[in-house]
Amino acid sequence: MAALIKIIIQIIFSFLVVQHPIRDLAQNYVPVNTVQLLSQDTTQQRALGILTSKCNVCHAKRNRRRVFTKENMNSWSDDIYQQVFIKKRMPKGKKNKLTLQDNQELLRWIMATQNK
């Protein structure tokens, strides 16, 4: 009998916990810093996609020391800014030309890395 009462109390308690509105609000709360980090991750992912499709194609053949990965791309952001936007030396050739949207995405990522 005591075991049955214990089970009933556990079921009632679990139902109350699941339906608790304050706990639900606390679980769904996302701090502002986390939102900023998530947006930086997507910015970094888009930038990595551009670096992979437009830059790594040539770098893998001609400059293997500078093949961009998720782990090393932030350390190269200043050099990328200099080569792409200041000196306008990269990417070379007409085949890998950056679109206006690619330029904007890379600049957004570079600015995010400089703010850290």
C-alpha atoms as a PDB file:
ATOM      1  CA  MET A   1       0.000   0.000   0.000  1.00  0.00           C
ATOM      2  CA  ALA A   2       2.823   2.391   0.872  1.00  0.00           C
ATOM      3  CA  ALA A   3       4.486   1.674  -2.471  1.00  0.00           C
ATOM      4  CA  LEU A   4       1.262   2.523  -4.329  1.00  0.00           C
ATOM      5  CA  ILE A   5       0.915   5.835  -2.466  1.00  0.00           C
ATOM      6  CA  LYS A   6       4.555   6.628  -3.206  1.00  0.00           C
ATOM      7  CA  ILE A   7       4.013   5.977  -6.940  1.00  0.00           C
ATOM      8  CA  ILE A   8       0.856   8.133  -6.993  1.00  0.00           C
ATOM      9  CA  ILE A   9       2.683  10.999  -5.256  1.00  0.00           C
ATOM     10  CA  GLN A  10       5.571  10.728  -7.749  1.00  0.00           C
ATOM     11  CA  ILE A  11       3.153  10.840 -10.689  1.00  0.00           C
ATOM     12  CA  ILE A  12       1.344  13.874  -9.272  1.00  0.00           C
ATOM     13  CA  PHE A  13       4.642  15.598  -8.466  1.00  0.00           C
ATOM     14  CA  SER A  14       6.056  14.928 -11.955  1.00  0.00           C
ATOM     15  CA  PHE A  15       2.868  16.302 -13.526  1.00  0.00           C
ATOM     16  CA  LEU A  16       3.138  19.486 -11.449  1.00  0.00           C
ATOM     17  CA  VAL A  17       6.805  19.903 -12.341  1.00  0.00           C
ATOM     18  CA  VAL A  18       6.106  19.518 -16.058  1.00  0.00           C
ATOM     19  CA  GLN A  19       3.313  22.102 -15.917  1.00  0.00           C
ATOM     20  CA  HIS A  20       5.270  24.694 -13.878  1.00  0.00           C
ATOM     21  CA  PRO A  21       5.281  28.013 -15.812  1.00  0.00           C
ATOM     22  CA  ILE A  22       8.189  29.658 -13.959  1.00  0.00           C
ATOM     23  CA  ARG A  23      10.451  26.676 -14.612  1.00  0.00           C
ATOM     24  CA  ASP A  24       9.447  26.754 -18.293  1.00  0.00           C
ATOM     25  CA  LEU A  25      10.366  30.440 -18.509  1.00  0.00           C
ATOM     26  CA  ALA A  26      13.711  29.753 -16.891  1.00  0.00           C
ATOM     27  CA  GLN A  27      14.463  26.954 -19.344  1.00  0.00           C
ATOM     28  CA  ASN A  28      13.576  29.101 -22.359  1.00  0.00           C
ATOM     29  CA  TYR A  29      15.531  32.134 -21.170  1.00  0.00           C
ATOM     30  CA  VAL A  30      18.517  32.859 -23.396  1.00  0.00           C
ATOM     31  CA  PRO A  31      20.932  35.551 -22.175  1.00  0.00           C
ATOM     32  CA  VAL A  32      21.893  38.292 -24.630  1.00  0.00           C
ATOM     33  CA  ASN A  33      25.530  37.164 -24.721  1.00  0.00           C
ATOM     34  CA  THR A  34      24.460  33.698 -25.837  1.00  0.00           C
ATOM     35  CA  VAL A  35      22.369  35.192 -28.649  1.00  0.00           C
ATOM     36  CA  GLN A  36      25.386  37.211 -29.776  1.00  0.00           C
ATOM     37  CA  LEU A  37      27.565  34.108 -29.682  1.00  0.00           C
ATOM     38  CA  LEU A  38      25.040  32.182 -31.756  1.00  0.00           C
ATOM     39  CA  SER A  39      24.936  34.947 -34.372  1.00  0.00           C
ATOM     40  CA  GLN A  40      28.742  35.042 -34.431  1.00  0.00           C
ATOM     41  CA  ASP A  41      28.798  31.295 -35.001  1.00  0.00           C
ATOM     42  CA  THR A  42      26.534  31.585 -38.015  1.00  0.00           C
ATOM     43  CA  THR A  43      28.606  34.520 -39.294  1.00  0.00           C
ATOM     44  CA  GLN A  44      31.730  32.423 -38.846  1.00  0.00           C
ATOM     45  CA  GLN A  45      30.102  29.453 -40.575  1.00  0.00           C
ATOM     46  CA  ARG A  46      29.124  31.585 -43.570  1.00  0.00           C
ATOM     47  CA  ALA A  47      32.620  33.066 -43.725  1.00  0.00           C
ATOM     48  CA  LEU A  48      34.129  29.588 -43.553  1.00  0.00           C
ATOM     49  CA  GLY A  49      31.904  28.554 -46.456  1.00  0.00           C
ATOM     50  CA  ILE A  50      33.236  31.469 -48.513  1.00  0.00           C
ATOM     51  CA  LEU A  51      36.841  30.775 -47.523  1.00  0.00           C
ATOM     52  CA  THR A  52      36.391  27.100 -48.375  1.00  0.00           C
ATOM     53  CA  SER A  53      34.755  27.637 -51.756  1.00  0.00           C
ATOM     54  CA  LYS A  54      36.658  30.708 -52.938  1.00  0.00           C
ATOM     55  CA  CYS A  55      40.039  30.603 -51.166  1.00  0.00           C
ATOM     56  CA  ASN A  56      40.904  27.051 -50.149  1.00  0.00           C
ATOM     57  CA  VAL A  57      40.462  25.860 -53.725  1.00  0.00           C
ATOM     58  CA  CYS A  58      43.670  27.658 -54.679  1.00  0.00           C
ATOM     59  CA  HIS A  59      45.403  27.640 -51.294  1.00  0.00           C
ATOM     60  CA  ALA A  60      45.217  23.845 -51.115  1.00  0.00           C
ATOM     61  CA  LYS A  61      47.311  23.685 -54.301  1.00  0.00           C
ATOM     62  CA  ARG A  62      49.621  26.700 -54.009  1.00  0.00           C
ATOM     63  CA  ASN A  63      49.819  27.801 -50.365  1.00  0.00           C
ATOM     64  CA  ARG A  64      49.098  24.847 -48.074  1.00  0.00           C
ATOM     65  CA  ARG A  65      50.245  26.744 -44.975  1.00  0.00           C
ATOM     66  CA  ARG A  66      47.222  28.994 -45.327  1.00  0.00           C
ATOM     67  CA  VAL A  67      44.360  26.595 -45.862  1.00  0.00           C
ATOM     68  CA  PHE A  68      41.527  27.963 -43.753  1.00  0.00           C
ATOM     69  CA  THR A  69      39.720  25.811 -41.204  1.00  0.00           C
ATOM     70  CA  LYS A  70      37.257  26.607 -38.449  1.00  0.00           C
ATOM     71  CA  GLU A  71      40.075  26.289 -35.922  1.00  0.00           C
ATOM     72  CA  ASN A  72      42.525  28.694 -37.591  1.00  0.00           C
ATOM     73  CA  MET A  73      40.386  31.129 -39.552  1.00  0.00           C
ATOM     74  CA  ASN A  74      40.032  33.729 -36.780  1.00  0.00           C
ATOM     75  CA  SER A  75      43.808  33.989 -36.452  1.00  0.00           C
ATOM     76  CA  TRP A  76      44.031  34.847 -40.162  1.00  0.00           C
ATOM     77  CA  SER A  77      41.250  37.475 -40.154  1.00  0.00           C
ATOM     78  CA  ASP A  78      43.614  40.483 -40.137  1.00  0.00           C
ATOM     79  CA  ASP A  79      45.652  39.083 -43.022  1.00  0.00           C
ATOM     80  CA  ILE A  80      42.500  38.254 -44.965  1.00  0.00           C
ATOM     81  CA  TYR A  81      41.274  41.819 -44.458  1.00  0.00           C
ATOM     82  CA  GLN A  82      44.577  43.224 -45.746  1.00  0.00           C
ATOM     83  CA  GLN A  83      44.792  40.927 -48.775  1.00  0.00           C
ATOM     84  CA  VAL A  84      41.138  41.062 -49.823  1.00  0.00           C
ATOM     85  CA  PHE A  85      39.950  44.542 -48.907  1.00  0.00           C
ATOM     86  CA  ILE A  86      43.006  46.787 -48.630  1.00  0.00           C
ATOM     87  CA  LYS A  87      45.504  45.415 -51.162  1.00  0.00           C
ATOM     88  CA  LYS A  88      42.812  43.707 -53.286  1.00  0.00           C
ATOM     89  CA  ARG A  89      45.232  40.891 -54.143  1.00  0.00           C
ATOM     90  CA  MET A  90      42.938  38.006 -53.253  1.00  0.00           C
ATOM     91  CA  PRO A  91      41.252  35.984 -54.516  1.00  0.00           C
ATOM     92  CA  LYS A  92      43.311  35.715 -57.679  1.00  0.00           C
ATOM     93  CA  GLY A  93      41.758  34.997 -61.029  1.00  0.00           C
ATOM     94  CA  LYS A  94      38.266  35.468 -62.398  1.00  0.00           C
ATOM     95  CA  LYS A  95      37.108  31.975 -61.433  1.00  0.00           C
ATOM     96  CA  ASN A  96      37.056  32.617 -57.665  1.00  0.00           C
ATOM     97  CA  LYS A  97      35.855  36.207 -57.715  1.00  0.00           C
ATOM     98  CA  LEU A  98      33.939  37.299 -54.606  1.00  0.00           C
ATOM     99  CA  THR A  99      30.402  38.566 -54.987  1.00  0.00           C
ATOM    100  CA  LEU A 100      29.149  41.644 -53.168  1.00  0.00           C
ATOM    101  CA  GLN A 101      27.372  39.359 -50.696  1.00  0.00           C
ATOM    102  CA  ASP A 102      30.591  37.378 -50.135  1.00  0.00           C
ATOM    103  CA  ASN A 103      32.432  40.629 -49.402  1.00  0.00           C
ATOM    104  CA  GLN A 104      29.768  41.705 -46.926  1.00  0.00           C
ATOM    105  CA  GLU A 105      29.788  38.337 -45.143  1.00  0.00           C
ATOM    106  CA  LEU A 106      33.575  38.339 -44.842  1.00  0.00           C
ATOM    107  CA  LEU A 107      33.579  41.913 -43.518  1.00  0.00           C
ATOM    108  CA  ARG A 108      30.875  41.029 -40.996  1.00  0.00           C
ATOM    109  CA  TRP A 109      32.950  38.094 -39.776  1.00  0.00           C
ATOM    110  CA  ILE A 110      36.168  40.141 -39.623  1.00  0.00           C
ATOM    111  CA  MET A 111      34.445  42.865 -37.599  1.00  0.00           C
ATOM    112  CA  ALA A 112      33.073  40.214 -35.216  1.00  0.00           C
ATOM    113  CA  THR A 113      36.567  38.775 -34.669  1.00  0.00           C
ATOM    114  CA  GLN A 114      38.008  42.218 -33.973  1.00  0.00           C
ATOM    115  CA  ASN A 115      35.334  42.926 -31.330  1.00  0.00           C
ATOM    116  CA  LYS A 116      36.350  39.877 -29.264  1.00  0.00           C
END
